[in-house]
Amino acid sequence: MALGLYDAGFATLTALYGPAARGSITGITLFAGFASTVSWPLSAFLNELLGWRETCLVWAGLNLVIGLPLNILLLPAVA
């Protein structure tokens, strides 16, 4: 869980919403669990096709192209 930055996500939600963050934390946990059903087989496929270094680069690129804009656009500024 630490490698997936759960702690940072949960801390951010708690800072933003306080006790009302429980539902969001549950949603993230469920979403991440279901995401593993896609990411593990995809990682295995990419590893066989490209190798482990390129697979890591693919995941890094996806994080930059998808994850970074989502974080910038969706997280509200903390006052």
PDB file of N, CA and C in Angstrom:
ATOM      1  N   MET A   1       0.817  -1.197   0.000  1.00  0.00           N
ATOM      2  CA  MET A   1       0.000   0.000   0.000  1.00  0.00           C
ATOM      3  C   MET A   1       0.855   1.253   0.000  1.00  0.00           C
ATOM      4  N   ALA A   2       2.000   1.225   0.669  1.00  0.00           N
ATOM      5  CA  ALA A   2       2.840   2.419   0.730  1.00  0.00           C
ATOM      6  C   ALA A   2       3.370   2.800  -0.641  1.00  0.00           C
ATOM      7  N   LEU A   3       3.682   1.810  -1.478  1.00  0.00           N
ATOM      8  CA  LEU A   3       4.173   2.117  -2.818  1.00  0.00           C
ATOM      9  C   LEU A   3       3.090   2.745  -3.684  1.00  0.00           C
ATOM     10  N   GLY A   4       1.847   2.484  -3.389  1.00  0.00           N
ATOM     11  CA  GLY A   4       0.746   3.072  -4.132  1.00  0.00           C
ATOM     12  C   GLY A   4       0.329   4.436  -3.611  1.00  0.00           C
ATOM     13  N   LEU A   5       1.025   4.947  -2.627  1.00  0.00           N
ATOM     14  CA  LEU A   5       0.759   6.256  -2.029  1.00  0.00           C
ATOM     15  C   LEU A   5      -0.623   6.356  -1.379  1.00  0.00           C
ATOM     16  N   TYR A   6      -1.099   5.237  -0.860  1.00  0.00           N
ATOM     17  CA  TYR A   6      -2.365   5.253  -0.136  1.00  0.00           C
ATOM     18  C   TYR A   6      -2.307   6.229   1.040  1.00  0.00           C
ATOM     19  N   ASP A   7      -1.212   6.178   1.790  1.00  0.00           N
ATOM     20  CA  ASP A   7      -1.112   7.041   2.967  1.00  0.00           C
ATOM     21  C   ASP A   7      -1.237   8.507   2.597  1.00  0.00           C
ATOM     22  N   ALA A   8      -0.573   8.914   1.520  1.00  0.00           N
ATOM     23  CA  ALA A   8      -0.654  10.313   1.090  1.00  0.00           C
ATOM     24  C   ALA A   8      -2.069  10.667   0.634  1.00  0.00           C
ATOM     25  N   GLY A   9      -2.697   9.756  -0.094  1.00  0.00           N
ATOM     26  CA  GLY A   9      -4.074  10.000  -0.543  1.00  0.00           C
ATOM     27  C   GLY A   9      -5.046  10.094   0.613  1.00  0.00           C
ATOM     28  N   PHE A  10      -4.909   9.180   1.558  1.00  0.00           N
ATOM     29  CA  PHE A  10      -5.798   9.189   2.717  1.00  0.00           C
ATOM     30  C   PHE A  10      -5.567  10.433   3.570  1.00  0.00           C
ATOM     31  N   ALA A  11      -4.304  10.832   3.738  1.00  0.00           N
ATOM     32  CA  ALA A  11      -3.998  12.037   4.516  1.00  0.00           C
ATOM     33  C   ALA A  11      -4.568  13.280   3.833  1.00  0.00           C
ATOM     34  N   THR A  12      -4.479  13.325   2.502  1.00  0.00           N
ATOM     35  CA  THR A  12      -5.018  14.462   1.759  1.00  0.00           C
ATOM     36  C   THR A  12      -6.537  14.540   1.919  1.00  0.00           C
ATOM     37  N   LEU A  13      -7.202  13.411   1.771  1.00  0.00           N
ATOM     38  CA  LEU A  13      -8.653  13.401   1.942  1.00  0.00           C
ATOM     39  C   LEU A  13      -9.062  13.807   3.351  1.00  0.00           C
ATOM     40  N   THR A  14      -8.335  13.324   4.336  1.00  0.00           N
ATOM     41  CA  THR A  14      -8.648  13.662   5.723  1.00  0.00           C
ATOM     42  C   THR A  14      -8.418  15.143   5.979  1.00  0.00           C
ATOM     43  N   ALA A  15      -7.341  15.700   5.401  1.00  0.00           N
ATOM     44  CA  ALA A  15      -7.081  17.129   5.576  1.00  0.00           C
ATOM     45  C   ALA A  15      -8.159  17.974   4.909  1.00  0.00           C
ATOM     46  N   LEU A  16      -8.645  17.507   3.764  1.00  0.00           N
ATOM     47  CA  LEU A  16      -9.653  18.280   3.036  1.00  0.00           C
ATOM     48  C   LEU A  16     -11.049  18.145   3.623  1.00  0.00           C
ATOM     49  N   TYR A  17     -11.427  16.923   4.032  1.00  0.00           N
ATOM     50  CA  TYR A  17     -12.810  16.657   4.403  1.00  0.00           C
ATOM     51  C   TYR A  17     -13.025  16.208   5.836  1.00  0.00           C
ATOM     52  N   GLY A  18     -11.951  16.001   6.579  1.00  0.00           N
ATOM     53  CA  GLY A  18     -12.085  15.582   7.972  1.00  0.00           C
ATOM     54  C   GLY A  18     -12.787  14.236   8.082  1.00  0.00           C
ATOM     55  N   PRO A  19     -13.666  14.077   9.064  1.00  0.00           N
ATOM     56  CA  PRO A  19     -14.356  12.793   9.251  1.00  0.00           C
ATOM     57  C   PRO A  19     -15.233  12.392   8.060  1.00  0.00           C
ATOM     58  N   ALA A  20     -15.623  13.342   7.240  1.00  0.00           N
ATOM     59  CA  ALA A  20     -16.459  13.043   6.080  1.00  0.00           C
ATOM     60  C   ALA A  20     -15.678  12.337   4.968  1.00  0.00           C
ATOM     61  N   ALA A  21     -14.387  12.149   5.151  1.00  0.00           N
ATOM     62  CA  ALA A  21     -13.552  11.511   4.129  1.00  0.00           C
ATOM     63  C   ALA A  21     -13.696   9.999   4.112  1.00  0.00           C
ATOM     64  N   ARG A  22     -14.409   9.426   5.058  1.00  0.00           N
ATOM     65  CA  ARG A  22     -14.497   7.962   5.161  1.00  0.00           C
ATOM     66  C   ARG A  22     -15.026   7.318   3.884  1.00  0.00           C
ATOM     67  N   GLY A  23     -16.046   7.874   3.302  1.00  0.00           N
ATOM     68  CA  GLY A  23     -16.613   7.313   2.076  1.00  0.00           C
ATOM     69  C   GLY A  23     -15.633   7.374   0.917  1.00  0.00           C
ATOM     70  N   SER A  24     -14.925   8.490   0.804  1.00  0.00           N
ATOM     71  CA  SER A  24     -13.930   8.634  -0.260  1.00  0.00           C
ATOM     72  C   SER A  24     -12.776   7.656  -0.074  1.00  0.00           C
ATOM     73  N   ILE A  25     -12.365   7.464   1.151  1.00  0.00           N
ATOM     74  CA  ILE A  25     -11.279   6.518   1.432  1.00  0.00           C
ATOM     75  C   ILE A  25     -11.718   5.106   1.057  1.00  0.00           C
ATOM     76  N   THR A  26     -12.942   4.758   1.375  1.00  0.00           N
ATOM     77  CA  THR A  26     -13.467   3.445   0.993  1.00  0.00           C
ATOM     78  C   THR A  26     -13.515   3.309  -0.525  1.00  0.00           C
ATOM     79  N   GLY A  27     -13.942   4.356  -1.201  1.00  0.00           N
ATOM     80  CA  GLY A  27     -14.002   4.334  -2.660  1.00  0.00           C
ATOM     81  C   GLY A  27     -12.636   4.153  -3.298  1.00  0.00           C
ATOM     82  N   ILE A  28     -11.643   4.849  -2.777  1.00  0.00           N
ATOM     83  CA  ILE A  28     -10.286   4.703  -3.300  1.00  0.00           C
ATOM     84  C   ILE A  28      -9.787   3.281  -3.094  1.00  0.00           C
ATOM     85  N   THR A  29     -10.036   2.730  -1.927  1.00  0.00           N
ATOM     86  CA  THR A  29      -9.587   1.374  -1.629  1.00  0.00           C
ATOM     87  C   THR A  29     -10.227   0.366  -2.589  1.00  0.00           C
ATOM     88  N   LEU A  30     -11.520   0.493  -2.826  1.00  0.00           N
ATOM     89  CA  LEU A  30     -12.204  -0.408  -3.752  1.00  0.00           C
ATOM     90  C   LEU A  30     -11.722  -0.224  -5.185  1.00  0.00           C
ATOM     91  N   PHE A  31     -11.589   1.010  -5.610  1.00  0.00           N
ATOM     92  CA  PHE A  31     -11.131   1.299  -6.968  1.00  0.00           C
ATOM     93  C   PHE A  31      -9.728   0.749  -7.188  1.00  0.00           C
ATOM     94  N   ALA A  32      -8.850   0.949  -6.220  1.00  0.00           N
ATOM     95  CA  ALA A  32      -7.482   0.449  -6.344  1.00  0.00           C
ATOM     96  C   ALA A  32      -7.445  -1.072  -6.373  1.00  0.00           C
ATOM     97  N   GLY A  33      -8.300  -1.705  -5.612  1.00  0.00           N
ATOM     98  CA  GLY A  33      -8.364  -3.161  -5.640  1.00  0.00           C
ATOM     99  C   GLY A  33      -8.791  -3.685  -6.997  1.00  0.00           C
ATOM    100  N   PHE A  34      -9.792  -3.053  -7.588  1.00  0.00           N
ATOM    101  CA  PHE A  34     -10.228  -3.465  -8.917  1.00  0.00           C
ATOM    102  C   PHE A  34      -9.188  -3.111  -9.977  1.00  0.00           C
ATOM    103  N   ALA A  35      -8.457  -2.020  -9.788  1.00  0.00           N
ATOM    104  CA  ALA A  35      -7.419  -1.641 -10.746  1.00  0.00           C
ATOM    105  C   ALA A  35      -6.316  -2.686 -10.811  1.00  0.00           C
ATOM    106  N   SER A  36      -6.069  -3.359  -9.709  1.00  0.00           N
ATOM    107  CA  SER A  36      -5.050  -4.404  -9.704  1.00  0.00           C
ATOM    108  C   SER A  36      -5.423  -5.564 -10.615  1.00  0.00           C
ATOM    109  N   THR A  37      -6.704  -5.802 -10.797  1.00  0.00           N
ATOM    110  CA  THR A  37      -7.109  -6.893 -11.677  1.00  0.00           C
ATOM    111  C   THR A  37      -6.767  -6.590 -13.135  1.00  0.00           C
ATOM    112  N   VAL A  38      -6.560  -5.316 -13.451  1.00  0.00           N
ATOM    113  CA  VAL A  38      -6.143  -4.924 -14.796  1.00  0.00           C
ATOM    114  C   VAL A  38      -4.630  -4.725 -14.858  1.00  0.00           C
ATOM    115  N   SER A  39      -4.067  -4.058 -13.858  1.00  0.00           N
ATOM    116  CA  SER A  39      -2.657  -3.677 -13.931  1.00  0.00           C
ATOM    117  C   SER A  39      -1.689  -4.852 -13.824  1.00  0.00           C
ATOM    118  N   TRP A  40      -1.999  -5.851 -13.015  1.00  0.00           N
ATOM    119  CA  TRP A  40      -1.086  -6.996 -12.899  1.00  0.00           C
ATOM    120  C   TRP A  40      -0.983  -7.762 -14.206  1.00  0.00           C
ATOM    121  N   PRO A  41      -2.087  -8.170 -14.820  1.00  0.00           N
ATOM    122  CA  PRO A  41      -1.957  -8.858 -16.115  1.00  0.00           C
ATOM    123  C   PRO A  41      -1.337  -7.973 -17.199  1.00  0.00           C
ATOM    124  N   LEU A  42      -1.670  -6.689 -17.194  1.00  0.00           N
ATOM    125  CA  LEU A  42      -1.086  -5.778 -18.177  1.00  0.00           C
ATOM    126  C   LEU A  42       0.418  -5.647 -17.965  1.00  0.00           C
ATOM    127  N   SER A  43       0.844  -5.566 -16.722  1.00  0.00           N
ATOM    128  CA  SER A  43       2.280  -5.497 -16.429  1.00  0.00           C
ATOM    129  C   SER A  43       2.993  -6.762 -16.891  1.00  0.00           C
ATOM    130  N   ALA A  44       2.390  -7.906 -16.655  1.00  0.00           N
ATOM    131  CA  ALA A  44       2.985  -9.170 -17.094  1.00  0.00           C
ATOM    132  C   ALA A  44       3.085  -9.216 -18.620  1.00  0.00           C
ATOM    133  N   PHE A  45       2.026  -8.775 -19.301  1.00  0.00           N
ATOM    134  CA  PHE A  45       2.038  -8.749 -20.764  1.00  0.00           C
ATOM    135  C   PHE A  45       3.116  -7.808 -21.287  1.00  0.00           C
ATOM    136  N   LEU A  46       3.177  -6.598 -20.732  1.00  0.00           N
ATOM    137  CA  LEU A  46       4.184  -5.631 -21.175  1.00  0.00           C
ATOM    138  C   LEU A  46       5.593  -6.115 -20.875  1.00  0.00           C
ATOM    139  N   ASN A  47       5.762  -6.780 -19.741  1.00  0.00           N
ATOM    140  CA  ASN A  47       7.076  -7.309 -19.386  1.00  0.00           C
ATOM    141  C   ASN A  47       7.541  -8.337 -20.414  1.00  0.00           C
ATOM    142  N   GLU A  48       6.640  -9.210 -20.830  1.00  0.00           N
ATOM    143  CA  GLU A  48       6.995 -10.206 -21.847  1.00  0.00           C
ATOM    144  C   GLU A  48       7.251  -9.551 -23.204  1.00  0.00           C
ATOM    145  N   LEU A  49       6.476  -8.526 -23.517  1.00  0.00           N
ATOM    146  CA  LEU A  49       6.579  -7.878 -24.819  1.00  0.00           C
ATOM    147  C   LEU A  49       7.774  -6.938 -24.909  1.00  0.00           C
ATOM    148  N   LEU A  50       7.984  -6.132 -23.860  1.00  0.00           N
ATOM    149  CA  LEU A  50       8.979  -5.060 -23.915  1.00  0.00           C
ATOM    150  C   LEU A  50      10.184  -5.254 -22.998  1.00  0.00           C
ATOM    151  N   GLY A  51       9.982  -5.958 -21.891  1.00  0.00           N
ATOM    152  CA  GLY A  51      11.023  -6.054 -20.859  1.00  0.00           C
ATOM    153  C   GLY A  51      10.642  -5.202 -19.663  1.00  0.00           C
ATOM    154  N   TRP A  52      11.318  -5.438 -18.546  1.00  0.00           N
ATOM    155  CA  TRP A  52      10.904  -4.777 -17.319  1.00  0.00           C
ATOM    156  C   TRP A  52      11.198  -3.285 -17.311  1.00  0.00           C
ATOM    157  N   ARG A  53      12.305  -2.863 -17.921  1.00  0.00           N
ATOM    158  CA  ARG A  53      12.631  -1.430 -17.926  1.00  0.00           C
ATOM    159  C   ARG A  53      11.600  -0.630 -18.718  1.00  0.00           C
ATOM    160  N   GLU A  54      11.271  -1.119 -19.883  1.00  0.00           N
ATOM    161  CA  GLU A  54      10.299  -0.424 -20.717  1.00  0.00           C
ATOM    162  C   GLU A  54       8.902  -0.457 -20.100  1.00  0.00           C
ATOM    163  N   THR A  55       8.580  -1.560 -19.409  1.00  0.00           N
ATOM    164  CA  THR A  55       7.303  -1.631 -18.710  1.00  0.00           C
ATOM    165  C   THR A  55       7.224  -0.544 -17.639  1.00  0.00           C
ATOM    166  N   CYS A  56       8.316  -0.359 -16.895  1.00  0.00           N
ATOM    167  CA  CYS A  56       8.353   0.715 -15.894  1.00  0.00           C
ATOM    168  C   CYS A  56       8.205   2.079 -16.561  1.00  0.00           C
ATOM    169  N   LEU A  57       8.822   2.262 -17.734  1.00  0.00           N
ATOM    170  CA  LEU A  57       8.690   3.534 -18.449  1.00  0.00           C
ATOM    171  C   LEU A  57       7.257   3.760 -18.933  1.00  0.00           C
ATOM    172  N   VAL A  58       6.594   2.697 -19.361  1.00  0.00           N
ATOM    173  CA  VAL A  58       5.189   2.819 -19.777  1.00  0.00           C
ATOM    174  C   VAL A  58       4.337   3.279 -18.600  1.00  0.00           C
ATOM    175  N   TRP A  59       4.518   2.648 -17.426  1.00  0.00           N
ATOM    176  CA  TRP A  59       3.735   3.034 -16.251  1.00  0.00           C
ATOM    177  C   TRP A  59       4.070   4.459 -15.810  1.00  0.00           C
ATOM    178  N   ALA A  60       5.338   4.830 -15.882  1.00  0.00           N
ATOM    179  CA  ALA A  60       5.721   6.204 -15.526  1.00  0.00           C
ATOM    180  C   ALA A  60       5.072   7.204 -16.481  1.00  0.00           C
ATOM    181  N   GLY A  61       5.089   6.877 -17.772  1.00  0.00           N
ATOM    182  CA  GLY A  61       4.461   7.758 -18.750  1.00  0.00           C
ATOM    183  C   GLY A  61       2.967   7.894 -18.519  1.00  0.00           C
ATOM    184  N   LEU A  62       2.304   6.780 -18.212  1.00  0.00           N
ATOM    185  CA  LEU A  62       0.872   6.843 -17.920  1.00  0.00           C
ATOM    186  C   LEU A  62       0.581   7.691 -16.686  1.00  0.00           C
ATOM    187  N   ASN A  63       1.447   7.586 -15.685  1.00  0.00           N
ATOM    188  CA  ASN A  63       1.269   8.424 -14.493  1.00  0.00           C
ATOM    189  C   ASN A  63       1.412   9.899 -14.829  1.00  0.00           C
ATOM    190  N   LEU A  64       2.361  10.239 -15.696  1.00  0.00           N
ATOM    191  CA  LEU A  64       2.535  11.640 -16.074  1.00  0.00           C
ATOM    192  C   LEU A  64       1.390  12.149 -16.947  1.00  0.00           C
ATOM    193  N   VAL A  65       0.951  11.315 -17.882  1.00  0.00           N
ATOM    194  CA  VAL A  65      -0.073  11.751 -18.838  1.00  0.00           C
ATOM    195  C   VAL A  65      -1.472  11.739 -18.229  1.00  0.00           C
ATOM    196  N   ILE A  66      -1.740  10.772 -17.358  1.00  0.00           N
ATOM    197  CA  ILE A  66      -3.086  10.641 -16.789  1.00  0.00           C
ATOM    198  C   ILE A  66      -3.134  11.115 -15.335  1.00  0.00           C
ATOM    199  N   GLY A  67      -2.219  10.620 -14.517  1.00  0.00           N
ATOM    200  CA  GLY A  67      -2.272  10.901 -13.080  1.00  0.00           C
ATOM    201  C   GLY A  67      -1.977  12.343 -12.718  1.00  0.00           C
ATOM    202  N   LEU A  68      -0.942  12.913 -13.322  1.00  0.00           N
ATOM    203  CA  LEU A  68      -0.575  14.291 -12.984  1.00  0.00           C
ATOM    204  C   LEU A  68      -1.692  15.288 -13.317  1.00  0.00           C
ATOM    205  N   PRO A  69      -2.254  15.252 -14.538  1.00  0.00           N
ATOM    206  CA  PRO A  69      -3.362  16.185 -14.812  1.00  0.00           C
ATOM    207  C   PRO A  69      -4.574  15.979 -13.891  1.00  0.00           C
ATOM    208  N   LEU A  70      -4.869  14.719 -13.560  1.00  0.00           N
ATOM    209  CA  LEU A  70      -5.994  14.481 -12.649  1.00  0.00           C
ATOM    210  C   LEU A  70      -5.738  15.107 -11.285  1.00  0.00           C
ATOM    211  N   ASN A  71      -4.524  14.971 -10.786  1.00  0.00           N
ATOM    212  CA  ASN A  71      -4.196  15.573  -9.498  1.00  0.00           C
ATOM    213  C   ASN A  71      -4.244  17.089  -9.564  1.00  0.00           C
ATOM    214  N   ILE A  72      -3.768  17.649 -10.637  1.00  0.00           N
ATOM    215  CA  ILE A  72      -3.763  19.118 -10.769  1.00  0.00           C
ATOM    216  C   ILE A  72      -5.187  19.654 -10.908  1.00  0.00           C
ATOM    217  N   LEU A  73      -6.012  18.979 -11.685  1.00  0.00           N
ATOM    218  CA  LEU A  73      -7.352  19.478 -11.958  1.00  0.00           C
ATOM    219  C   LEU A  73      -8.381  19.169 -10.886  1.00  0.00           C
ATOM    220  N   LEU A  74      -8.238  18.042 -10.198  1.00  0.00           N
ATOM    221  CA  LEU A  74      -9.295  17.598  -9.298  1.00  0.00           C
ATOM    222  C   LEU A  74      -9.087  17.942  -7.825  1.00  0.00           C
ATOM    223  N   LEU A  75      -7.849  18.103  -7.402  1.00  0.00           N
ATOM    224  CA  LEU A  75      -7.613  18.413  -5.987  1.00  0.00           C
ATOM    225  C   LEU A  75      -7.811  19.899  -5.723  1.00  0.00           C
ATOM    226  N   PRO A  76      -8.673  20.246  -4.803  1.00  0.00           N
ATOM    227  CA  PRO A  76      -8.872  21.659  -4.482  1.00  0.00           C
ATOM    228  C   PRO A  76      -7.682  22.211  -3.705  1.00  0.00           C
ATOM    229  N   ALA A  77      -7.500  23.510  -3.785  1.00  0.00           N
ATOM    230  CA  ALA A  77      -6.436  24.163  -3.023  1.00  0.00           C
ATOM    231  C   ALA A  77      -6.786  24.139  -1.547  1.00  0.00           C
ATOM    232  N   VAL A  78      -5.799  23.873  -0.737  1.00  0.00           N
ATOM    233  CA  VAL A  78      -6.001  23.844   0.717  1.00  0.00           C
ATOM    234  C   VAL A  78      -5.724  25.249   1.255  1.00  0.00           C
ATOM    235  N   ALA A  79      -6.669  25.771   1.986  1.00  0.00           N
ATOM    236  CA  ALA A  79      -6.524  27.135   2.525  1.00  0.00           C
ATOM    237  C   ALA A  79      -5.759  27.127   3.820  1.00  0.00           C
TER     238      ALA A  79
END
